[in-house]
Protein backbone atom coordinates (compact mmCIF):
# COMPACT_ATOMS: atom_id res chain seq x y z
CA MET A 1 64.98 -45.65 18.29
CA ASN A 2 66.50 -44.23 15.20
CA ILE A 3 70.42 -44.69 14.77
CA LEU A 4 72.59 -42.66 12.15
CA ILE A 5 75.89 -44.20 11.32
CA VAL A 6 78.54 -42.45 9.60
CA GLY A 7 79.92 -45.20 7.28
CA PRO A 8 83.34 -45.89 6.35
CA SER A 9 84.86 -44.66 3.15
CA TRP A 10 86.29 -48.18 2.01
CA VAL A 11 84.68 -51.14 0.39
CA GLY A 12 86.21 -53.62 2.83
CA ASP A 13 85.36 -51.50 5.97
CA MET A 14 81.88 -51.18 4.73
CA VAL A 15 81.52 -54.89 4.31
CA MET A 16 82.89 -55.45 7.82
CA ALA A 17 80.51 -52.85 9.29
CA GLN A 18 77.76 -55.09 8.75
CA THR A 19 78.77 -56.89 11.95
CA LEU A 20 78.13 -53.69 13.92
CA PHE A 21 74.84 -53.20 12.34
CA GLN A 22 73.68 -56.90 13.19
CA CYS A 23 74.93 -56.34 16.80
CA LEU A 24 72.80 -53.24 17.02
CA LYS A 25 69.64 -55.00 15.71
CA GLN A 26 70.17 -58.01 18.13
CA ARG A 27 70.36 -55.64 21.06
CA HIS A 28 67.70 -53.25 19.94
CA PRO A 29 65.44 -55.22 17.47
CA GLN A 30 62.94 -52.26 17.07
CA CYS A 31 65.86 -49.86 16.10
CA ALA A 32 66.00 -48.07 12.62
CA ILE A 33 69.62 -47.93 11.40
CA ASP A 34 70.42 -45.43 8.71
CA VAL A 35 73.83 -45.24 7.20
CA LEU A 36 75.44 -42.06 5.80
CA ALA A 37 78.23 -42.97 3.36
CA PRO A 38 79.54 -42.36 -0.23
CA GLU A 39 77.26 -42.95 -2.92
CA TRP A 40 79.14 -45.89 -4.46
CA SER A 41 78.41 -47.89 -1.23
CA ARG A 42 74.54 -47.73 -1.64
CA PRO A 43 74.45 -51.14 -3.62
CA ILE A 44 76.30 -52.76 -0.67
CA LEU A 45 74.07 -51.18 2.00
CA GLU A 46 70.91 -51.88 0.08
CA ARG A 47 71.68 -55.69 0.50
CA MET A 48 72.20 -55.43 4.32
CA PRO A 49 68.76 -56.14 5.72
CA GLU A 50 69.74 -54.43 9.05
CA VAL A 51 70.01 -51.08 7.29
CA ARG A 52 66.63 -49.19 6.73
CA LYS A 53 68.09 -46.42 4.45
CA ALA A 54 71.27 -45.53 2.81
CA LEU A 55 71.96 -41.89 2.70
CA SER A 56 74.56 -40.38 0.25
CA PHE A 57 77.30 -38.34 1.71
CA PRO A 58 78.12 -35.56 -1.08
CA LEU A 59 81.69 -35.01 0.01
CA GLY A 60 84.75 -37.08 -1.53
CA HIS A 61 87.37 -38.92 0.66
CA GLY A 62 89.53 -36.28 2.53
CA ALA A 63 87.35 -33.17 1.64
CA LEU A 64 86.94 -31.11 4.65
CA GLU A 65 84.24 -28.50 3.43
CA LEU A 66 83.26 -27.60 6.91
CA ALA A 67 80.14 -25.65 5.90
CA THR A 68 78.69 -28.64 4.05
CA ARG A 69 79.42 -31.08 6.82
CA ARG A 70 77.55 -28.69 9.23
CA ARG A 71 74.69 -28.48 7.00
CA ILE A 72 74.31 -32.13 6.78
CA GLY A 73 74.52 -32.32 10.54
CA LYS A 74 71.56 -30.17 11.02
């Protein structure tokens, strides 16, 4: 099972999200968790053993840019 999580945009929220990643891994040990988040969060995510891949989200906090979001979603 592959799981994509859209990560939060704040440092504290990203750190606290690790609890979610741990719970998912406990319930579904074979799952692969990827996190779509701001580039600044990559070093944090790379230290979380539950996360397979950190994907960089190219939009800034509060940016709407619907066409870009749609392209990423596909």
